[in-house]
Amino acid sequence: MRVVVQRVREASVTVNREICGKIESGLLVLAGFEADDGAADIDWMAGKIVRLRLFADENGVMNRSVVEAGGQILAVSQFTLYASVKKGNRPSWSRAARGDVSQPLFEQFVARLSAELGKPVPTGVFGADMEVSLVNDGPVTLTIDSKAPE
């Protein structure tokens, strides 16, 4: 499982000109899956994201989690996180899990994030052509891979 986490002042995802997910201050999480990802990857990733200390404390130091900051999370599925550009100029998506595999994984991930966060996690529409808008705060952007935690 691979994610891009961005600290945002606000973020939204639109499908067919309708906003289907929107948050104020919090984290935008773009999530991609491989075929062999499972519950352990989801549990580890959700826990890691919710506990990351990316928000300023009273001294202006990034020392608070999204929970401690009272923030929200917007989750968007993104198979392109598994692009390979090793050969040629056209990316290969062969490492990304097929939709019938990744959709249930994404749904489990969102449920786990929601449980860890203690509030609903809005999303985009799986498999749809989405427009994601955000105001990146910082900017703070992290990439995390459950198979290669750093």
N, C-alpha and C. Protein backbone atom coordinates (compact mmCIF):
# COMPACT_ATOMS: atom_id res chain seq x y z
N MET A 1 0.86 -1.18 0.00
CA MET A 1 0.00 0.00 0.00
C MET A 1 0.89 1.23 0.00
N ARG A 2 0.51 2.18 -0.79
CA ARG A 2 1.29 3.40 -0.92
C ARG A 2 0.35 4.59 -0.81
N VAL A 3 0.77 5.61 -0.05
CA VAL A 3 -0.05 6.81 0.09
C VAL A 3 0.79 8.07 -0.07
N VAL A 4 0.12 9.12 -0.46
CA VAL A 4 0.65 10.47 -0.39
C VAL A 4 -0.26 11.20 0.60
N VAL A 5 0.36 11.80 1.62
CA VAL A 5 -0.38 12.52 2.66
C VAL A 5 -0.01 13.99 2.55
N GLN A 6 -1.02 14.84 2.45
CA GLN A 6 -0.79 16.28 2.38
C GLN A 6 -1.57 16.97 3.48
N ARG A 7 -0.86 17.80 4.25
CA ARG A 7 -1.56 18.62 5.24
C ARG A 7 -2.21 19.77 4.49
N VAL A 8 -3.52 19.95 4.71
CA VAL A 8 -4.27 20.94 3.95
C VAL A 8 -5.07 21.87 4.85
N ARG A 9 -5.30 23.05 4.33
CA ARG A 9 -6.23 23.98 4.99
C ARG A 9 -7.66 23.65 4.59
N GLU A 10 -7.78 23.10 3.37
CA GLU A 10 -9.06 22.61 2.86
C GLU A 10 -8.79 21.73 1.65
N ALA A 11 -9.71 20.82 1.38
CA ALA A 11 -9.58 19.96 0.21
C ALA A 11 -10.96 19.45 -0.17
N SER A 12 -11.11 19.17 -1.46
CA SER A 12 -12.37 18.61 -1.94
C SER A 12 -12.11 17.75 -3.16
N VAL A 13 -13.05 16.86 -3.42
CA VAL A 13 -12.99 16.04 -4.62
C VAL A 13 -14.34 16.15 -5.31
N THR A 14 -14.28 16.35 -6.63
CA THR A 14 -15.47 16.58 -7.44
C THR A 14 -15.55 15.53 -8.54
N VAL A 15 -16.77 15.02 -8.76
CA VAL A 15 -17.04 14.09 -9.86
C VAL A 15 -18.26 14.63 -10.61
N ASN A 16 -18.12 14.76 -11.91
CA ASN A 16 -19.20 15.30 -12.74
C ASN A 16 -19.73 16.63 -12.21
N ARG A 17 -18.81 17.49 -11.83
CA ARG A 17 -19.11 18.85 -11.34
C ARG A 17 -19.85 18.89 -10.01
N GLU A 18 -19.90 17.77 -9.31
CA GLU A 18 -20.53 17.73 -7.98
C GLU A 18 -19.49 17.35 -6.95
N ILE A 19 -19.42 18.12 -5.87
CA ILE A 19 -18.50 17.81 -4.79
C ILE A 19 -19.01 16.58 -4.06
N CYS A 20 -18.17 15.55 -3.99
CA CYS A 20 -18.58 14.32 -3.30
C CYS A 20 -17.84 14.13 -1.98
N GLY A 21 -16.79 14.88 -1.76
CA GLY A 21 -16.07 14.83 -0.50
C GLY A 21 -15.38 16.16 -0.26
N LYS A 22 -15.42 16.64 0.98
CA LYS A 22 -14.84 17.95 1.28
C LYS A 22 -14.44 17.99 2.74
N ILE A 23 -13.29 18.60 3.02
CA ILE A 23 -12.86 18.81 4.41
C ILE A 23 -12.32 20.22 4.58
N GLU A 24 -12.27 20.62 5.81
CA GLU A 24 -11.55 21.84 6.19
C GLU A 24 -10.14 21.39 6.58
N SER A 25 -9.54 21.97 7.57
CA SER A 25 -8.18 21.66 7.99
C SER A 25 -8.01 20.17 8.30
N GLY A 26 -6.94 19.60 7.77
CA GLY A 26 -6.69 18.18 8.03
C GLY A 26 -5.71 17.59 7.05
N LEU A 27 -5.98 16.35 6.62
CA LEU A 27 -5.09 15.62 5.73
C LEU A 27 -5.84 15.13 4.50
N LEU A 28 -5.23 15.34 3.35
CA LEU A 28 -5.68 14.72 2.11
C LEU A 28 -4.81 13.50 1.92
N VAL A 29 -5.44 12.33 1.77
CA VAL A 29 -4.71 11.08 1.62
C VAL A 29 -5.06 10.46 0.27
N LEU A 30 -4.05 10.35 -0.60
CA LEU A 30 -4.20 9.65 -1.87
C LEU A 30 -3.66 8.25 -1.63
N ALA A 31 -4.46 7.21 -1.94
CA ALA A 31 -4.10 5.84 -1.59
C ALA A 31 -4.13 4.92 -2.79
N GLY A 32 -3.06 4.13 -2.94
CA GLY A 32 -2.98 3.12 -3.99
C GLY A 32 -2.65 1.77 -3.39
N PHE A 33 -3.05 0.70 -4.09
CA PHE A 33 -2.90 -0.66 -3.56
C PHE A 33 -2.28 -1.58 -4.58
N GLU A 34 -1.54 -2.58 -4.07
CA GLU A 34 -1.02 -3.69 -4.84
C GLU A 34 -1.90 -4.90 -4.56
N ALA A 35 -1.83 -5.91 -5.42
CA ALA A 35 -2.68 -7.10 -5.26
C ALA A 35 -2.43 -7.83 -3.95
N ASP A 36 -1.19 -7.81 -3.43
CA ASP A 36 -0.90 -8.55 -2.21
C ASP A 36 -1.08 -7.74 -0.93
N ASP A 37 -1.63 -6.54 -1.03
CA ASP A 37 -1.92 -5.76 0.18
C ASP A 37 -3.08 -6.40 0.93
N GLY A 38 -3.07 -6.24 2.23
CA GLY A 38 -4.13 -6.84 3.04
C GLY A 38 -4.37 -6.07 4.32
N ALA A 39 -5.03 -6.72 5.27
CA ALA A 39 -5.43 -6.09 6.52
C ALA A 39 -4.25 -5.51 7.29
N ALA A 40 -3.13 -6.20 7.30
CA ALA A 40 -1.96 -5.71 8.04
C ALA A 40 -1.47 -4.39 7.46
N ASP A 41 -1.46 -4.27 6.13
CA ASP A 41 -1.04 -3.02 5.48
C ASP A 41 -2.01 -1.90 5.83
N ILE A 42 -3.29 -2.20 5.75
CA ILE A 42 -4.32 -1.21 6.03
C ILE A 42 -4.26 -0.74 7.47
N ASP A 43 -4.17 -1.68 8.41
CA ASP A 43 -4.11 -1.32 9.83
C ASP A 43 -2.89 -0.47 10.13
N TRP A 44 -1.74 -0.90 9.61
CA TRP A 44 -0.51 -0.15 9.88
C TRP A 44 -0.59 1.26 9.30
N MET A 45 -1.06 1.35 8.05
CA MET A 45 -1.10 2.65 7.37
C MET A 45 -2.09 3.59 8.04
N ALA A 46 -3.28 3.11 8.35
CA ALA A 46 -4.28 3.98 8.98
C ALA A 46 -3.77 4.48 10.33
N GLY A 47 -3.18 3.59 11.12
CA GLY A 47 -2.63 4.01 12.41
C GLY A 47 -1.52 5.02 12.26
N LYS A 48 -0.65 4.80 11.30
CA LYS A 48 0.47 5.71 11.06
C LYS A 48 -0.04 7.10 10.65
N ILE A 49 -0.98 7.14 9.73
CA ILE A 49 -1.49 8.43 9.25
C ILE A 49 -2.16 9.22 10.37
N VAL A 50 -2.99 8.57 11.14
CA VAL A 50 -3.74 9.25 12.20
C VAL A 50 -2.81 9.73 13.32
N ARG A 51 -1.69 9.06 13.51
CA ARG A 51 -0.77 9.42 14.60
C ARG A 51 0.40 10.31 14.18
N LEU A 52 0.55 10.54 12.87
CA LEU A 52 1.63 11.41 12.41
C LEU A 52 1.52 12.79 13.05
N ARG A 53 2.61 13.29 13.56
CA ARG A 53 2.60 14.61 14.20
C ARG A 53 2.97 15.66 13.15
N LEU A 54 1.95 16.15 12.47
CA LEU A 54 2.14 17.09 11.36
C LEU A 54 1.53 18.46 11.62
N PHE A 55 0.91 18.63 12.77
CA PHE A 55 0.22 19.89 13.08
C PHE A 55 0.92 20.61 14.22
N ALA A 56 0.94 21.93 14.15
CA ALA A 56 1.69 22.75 15.11
C ALA A 56 1.06 22.71 16.50
N ASP A 57 1.93 22.67 17.50
CA ASP A 57 1.49 22.81 18.89
C ASP A 57 1.50 24.29 19.26
N GLU A 58 1.35 24.59 20.53
CA GLU A 58 1.30 25.99 20.97
C GLU A 58 2.61 26.73 20.75
N ASN A 59 3.70 26.00 20.51
CA ASN A 59 5.00 26.62 20.24
C ASN A 59 5.34 26.67 18.75
N GLY A 60 4.39 26.28 17.92
CA GLY A 60 4.61 26.31 16.49
C GLY A 60 5.42 25.14 15.96
N VAL A 61 5.59 24.10 16.78
CA VAL A 61 6.34 22.91 16.38
C VAL A 61 5.37 21.83 15.92
N MET A 62 5.69 21.15 14.81
CA MET A 62 4.83 20.06 14.35
C MET A 62 4.90 18.93 15.37
N ASN A 63 3.93 18.93 16.27
CA ASN A 63 3.97 17.99 17.39
C ASN A 63 2.60 17.42 17.72
N ARG A 64 1.59 17.73 16.89
CA ARG A 64 0.24 17.21 17.15
C ARG A 64 -0.25 16.40 15.95
N SER A 65 -1.01 15.37 16.25
CA SER A 65 -1.61 14.53 15.22
C SER A 65 -2.88 15.20 14.69
N VAL A 66 -3.44 14.65 13.63
CA VAL A 66 -4.69 15.15 13.10
C VAL A 66 -5.80 15.03 14.14
N VAL A 67 -5.76 13.99 14.95
CA VAL A 67 -6.76 13.83 16.03
C VAL A 67 -6.60 14.94 17.05
N GLU A 68 -5.37 15.15 17.51
CA GLU A 68 -5.11 16.19 18.52
C GLU A 68 -5.43 17.58 18.01
N ALA A 69 -5.27 17.78 16.69
CA ALA A 69 -5.55 19.09 16.09
C ALA A 69 -7.03 19.26 15.76
N GLY A 70 -7.83 18.20 15.94
CA GLY A 70 -9.25 18.28 15.61
C GLY A 70 -9.49 18.34 14.11
N GLY A 71 -8.56 17.81 13.32
CA GLY A 71 -8.66 17.88 11.87
C GLY A 71 -9.49 16.75 11.27
N GLN A 72 -9.61 16.80 9.97
CA GLN A 72 -10.38 15.83 9.21
C GLN A 72 -9.45 15.13 8.22
N ILE A 73 -9.94 14.06 7.61
CA ILE A 73 -9.20 13.36 6.56
C ILE A 73 -10.12 13.16 5.36
N LEU A 74 -9.60 13.46 4.19
CA LEU A 74 -10.27 13.18 2.91
C LEU A 74 -9.43 12.12 2.21
N ALA A 75 -10.03 10.99 1.86
CA ALA A 75 -9.30 9.89 1.22
C ALA A 75 -9.74 9.75 -0.24
N VAL A 76 -8.76 9.59 -1.12
CA VAL A 76 -9.02 9.45 -2.55
C VAL A 76 -8.20 8.28 -3.08
N SER A 77 -8.86 7.35 -3.77
CA SER A 77 -8.15 6.23 -4.37
C SER A 77 -7.33 6.73 -5.55
N GLN A 78 -6.10 6.19 -5.69
CA GLN A 78 -5.24 6.65 -6.77
C GLN A 78 -4.26 5.55 -7.18
N PHE A 79 -4.68 4.77 -8.17
CA PHE A 79 -3.85 3.66 -8.64
C PHE A 79 -2.54 4.14 -9.26
N THR A 80 -2.49 5.39 -9.71
CA THR A 80 -1.30 5.89 -10.38
C THR A 80 -0.09 6.00 -9.44
N LEU A 81 -0.29 5.82 -8.15
CA LEU A 81 0.84 5.82 -7.22
C LEU A 81 1.77 4.64 -7.47
N TYR A 82 1.29 3.64 -8.19
CA TYR A 82 2.11 2.48 -8.53
C TYR A 82 2.62 2.53 -9.96
N ALA A 83 2.75 3.71 -10.51
CA ALA A 83 3.29 3.85 -11.87
C ALA A 83 4.75 3.44 -11.91
N SER A 84 5.11 2.77 -12.97
CA SER A 84 6.51 2.46 -13.23
C SER A 84 6.91 3.20 -14.50
N VAL A 85 8.00 3.95 -14.42
CA VAL A 85 8.49 4.69 -15.57
C VAL A 85 9.88 4.20 -15.98
N LYS A 86 10.17 2.97 -15.62
CA LYS A 86 11.48 2.37 -15.88
C LYS A 86 11.78 2.26 -17.37
N LYS A 87 10.78 1.85 -18.15
CA LYS A 87 10.97 1.67 -19.59
C LYS A 87 10.16 2.71 -20.34
N GLY A 88 10.81 3.40 -21.24
CA GLY A 88 10.10 4.34 -22.10
C GLY A 88 9.52 5.52 -21.35
N ASN A 89 8.56 6.15 -22.00
CA ASN A 89 7.96 7.36 -21.44
C ASN A 89 6.50 7.20 -21.06
N ARG A 90 5.94 6.04 -21.37
CA ARG A 90 4.55 5.79 -20.98
C ARG A 90 4.55 4.97 -19.70
N PRO A 91 3.95 5.48 -18.62
CA PRO A 91 3.94 4.74 -17.36
C PRO A 91 3.22 3.40 -17.49
N SER A 92 3.72 2.43 -16.75
CA SER A 92 3.06 1.13 -16.64
C SER A 92 2.36 1.07 -15.30
N TRP A 93 1.17 0.51 -15.29
CA TRP A 93 0.39 0.40 -14.06
C TRP A 93 0.31 -1.05 -13.59
N SER A 94 1.19 -1.90 -14.06
CA SER A 94 1.09 -3.33 -13.80
C SER A 94 1.19 -3.70 -12.32
N ARG A 95 1.83 -2.90 -11.50
CA ARG A 95 1.93 -3.20 -10.07
C ARG A 95 0.66 -2.83 -9.30
N ALA A 96 -0.15 -1.96 -9.86
CA ALA A 96 -1.38 -1.54 -9.18
C ALA A 96 -2.40 -2.67 -9.20
N ALA A 97 -3.07 -2.86 -8.06
CA ALA A 97 -4.12 -3.89 -7.99
C ALA A 97 -5.27 -3.51 -8.91
N ARG A 98 -5.88 -4.53 -9.52
CA ARG A 98 -7.07 -4.30 -10.36
C ARG A 98 -8.20 -3.73 -9.49
N GLY A 99 -9.16 -3.11 -10.12
CA GLY A 99 -10.26 -2.49 -9.40
C GLY A 99 -11.04 -3.43 -8.50
N ASP A 100 -11.25 -4.67 -8.95
CA ASP A 100 -12.01 -5.61 -8.14
C ASP A 100 -11.26 -6.02 -6.88
N VAL A 101 -9.95 -5.82 -6.86
CA VAL A 101 -9.14 -6.09 -5.68
C VAL A 101 -8.97 -4.81 -4.85
N SER A 102 -8.67 -3.71 -5.53
CA SER A 102 -8.36 -2.48 -4.80
C SER A 102 -9.57 -1.77 -4.21
N GLN A 103 -10.75 -1.91 -4.82
CA GLN A 103 -11.91 -1.23 -4.27
C GLN A 103 -12.26 -1.72 -2.86
N PRO A 104 -12.34 -3.03 -2.61
CA PRO A 104 -12.60 -3.46 -1.24
C PRO A 104 -11.47 -3.06 -0.28
N LEU A 105 -10.23 -3.06 -0.75
CA LEU A 105 -9.12 -2.62 0.10
C LEU A 105 -9.28 -1.15 0.47
N PHE A 106 -9.64 -0.33 -0.52
CA PHE A 106 -9.84 1.09 -0.26
C PHE A 106 -10.98 1.30 0.73
N GLU A 107 -12.07 0.58 0.56
CA GLU A 107 -13.20 0.70 1.48
C GLU A 107 -12.81 0.29 2.90
N GLN A 108 -12.02 -0.77 3.03
CA GLN A 108 -11.54 -1.19 4.35
C GLN A 108 -10.62 -0.13 4.95
N PHE A 109 -9.78 0.45 4.11
CA PHE A 109 -8.87 1.50 4.56
C PHE A 109 -9.64 2.71 5.08
N VAL A 110 -10.65 3.13 4.35
CA VAL A 110 -11.46 4.28 4.77
C VAL A 110 -12.18 3.97 6.09
N ALA A 111 -12.71 2.78 6.22
CA ALA A 111 -13.38 2.38 7.47
C ALA A 111 -12.39 2.40 8.63
N ARG A 112 -11.18 1.93 8.40
CA ARG A 112 -10.17 1.90 9.46
C ARG A 112 -9.73 3.32 9.81
N LEU A 113 -9.53 4.17 8.82
CA LEU A 113 -9.20 5.57 9.08
C LEU A 113 -10.28 6.24 9.91
N SER A 114 -11.53 6.01 9.54
CA SER A 114 -12.66 6.59 10.26
C SER A 114 -12.68 6.13 11.71
N ALA A 115 -12.44 4.85 11.94
CA ALA A 115 -12.42 4.32 13.31
C ALA A 115 -11.29 4.94 14.11
N GLU A 116 -10.11 5.06 13.50
CA GLU A 116 -8.94 5.64 14.18
C GLU A 116 -9.14 7.13 14.45
N LEU A 117 -9.76 7.82 13.50
CA LEU A 117 -9.97 9.26 13.61
C LEU A 117 -11.14 9.59 14.54
N GLY A 118 -12.11 8.69 14.61
CA GLY A 118 -13.28 8.93 15.44
C GLY A 118 -14.35 9.77 14.78
N LYS A 119 -14.29 9.87 13.46
CA LYS A 119 -15.31 10.60 12.70
C LYS A 119 -15.29 10.11 11.27
N PRO A 120 -16.35 10.37 10.51
CA PRO A 120 -16.40 9.91 9.12
C PRO A 120 -15.27 10.50 8.28
N VAL A 121 -14.83 9.72 7.31
CA VAL A 121 -13.80 10.14 6.37
C VAL A 121 -14.44 10.22 4.98
N PRO A 122 -14.64 11.43 4.47
CA PRO A 122 -15.21 11.55 3.13
C PRO A 122 -14.22 11.04 2.08
N THR A 123 -14.76 10.66 0.92
CA THR A 123 -13.93 10.11 -0.16
C THR A 123 -14.38 10.67 -1.50
N GLY A 124 -13.63 10.30 -2.51
CA GLY A 124 -14.05 10.51 -3.88
C GLY A 124 -14.94 9.34 -4.28
N VAL A 125 -15.08 9.12 -5.58
CA VAL A 125 -15.85 8.00 -6.11
C VAL A 125 -14.86 7.04 -6.76
N PHE A 126 -14.79 5.84 -6.24
CA PHE A 126 -13.80 4.88 -6.71
C PHE A 126 -13.93 4.66 -8.21
N GLY A 127 -12.82 4.75 -8.92
CA GLY A 127 -12.79 4.50 -10.35
C GLY A 127 -13.27 5.64 -11.23
N ALA A 128 -13.77 6.70 -10.63
CA ALA A 128 -14.29 7.82 -11.41
C ALA A 128 -13.16 8.76 -11.82
N ASP A 129 -13.43 9.57 -12.81
CA ASP A 129 -12.53 10.65 -13.18
C ASP A 129 -12.80 11.78 -12.20
N MET A 130 -11.86 12.03 -11.30
CA MET A 130 -12.08 12.98 -10.21
C MET A 130 -11.22 14.22 -10.38
N GLU A 131 -11.72 15.32 -9.87
CA GLU A 131 -10.95 16.56 -9.77
C GLU A 131 -10.72 16.80 -8.29
N VAL A 132 -9.45 16.86 -7.90
CA VAL A 132 -9.10 17.06 -6.49
C VAL A 132 -8.55 18.48 -6.35
N SER A 133 -9.14 19.23 -5.44
CA SER A 133 -8.68 20.59 -5.16
C SER A 133 -8.19 20.64 -3.73
N LEU A 134 -7.12 21.40 -3.51
CA LEU A 134 -6.60 21.52 -2.15
C LEU A 134 -5.82 22.80 -1.98
N VAL A 135 -5.76 23.22 -0.74
CA VAL A 135 -4.85 24.28 -0.34
C VAL A 135 -3.86 23.60 0.60
N ASN A 136 -2.65 23.34 0.07
CA ASN A 136 -1.63 22.65 0.83
C ASN A 136 -1.12 23.59 1.90
N ASP A 137 -1.03 23.11 3.12
CA ASP A 137 -0.62 23.91 4.27
C ASP A 137 0.83 23.60 4.60
N GLY A 138 1.70 24.53 4.34
CA GLY A 138 3.11 24.35 4.67
C GLY A 138 4.04 24.75 3.53
N PRO A 139 4.13 23.99 2.48
CA PRO A 139 3.46 22.72 2.22
C PRO A 139 4.09 21.57 3.01
N VAL A 140 3.23 20.66 3.42
CA VAL A 140 3.66 19.42 4.07
C VAL A 140 3.11 18.27 3.24
N THR A 141 3.99 17.49 2.64
CA THR A 141 3.61 16.36 1.80
C THR A 141 4.54 15.20 2.10
N LEU A 142 3.96 14.02 2.39
CA LEU A 142 4.74 12.82 2.69
C LEU A 142 4.30 11.68 1.77
N THR A 143 5.24 10.80 1.43
CA THR A 143 4.89 9.56 0.77
C THR A 143 5.24 8.44 1.74
N ILE A 144 4.33 7.46 1.84
CA ILE A 144 4.52 6.34 2.77
C ILE A 144 4.16 5.05 2.05
N ASP A 145 5.00 4.04 2.20
CA ASP A 145 4.78 2.73 1.59
C ASP A 145 4.77 1.68 2.69
N SER A 146 3.72 0.92 2.79
CA SER A 146 3.61 -0.08 3.87
C SER A 146 4.65 -1.19 3.72
N LYS A 147 5.17 -1.40 2.51
CA LYS A 147 6.17 -2.44 2.28
C LYS A 147 7.59 -1.93 2.51
N ALA A 148 7.75 -0.62 2.58
CA ALA A 148 9.07 -0.02 2.79
C ALA A 148 8.97 1.16 3.73
N PRO A 149 8.54 0.91 4.99
CA PRO A 149 8.39 2.02 5.93
C PRO A 149 9.75 2.65 6.24
N GLU A 150 9.80 3.95 6.19
CA GLU A 150 11.05 4.66 6.48
C GLU A 150 10.92 5.47 7.74
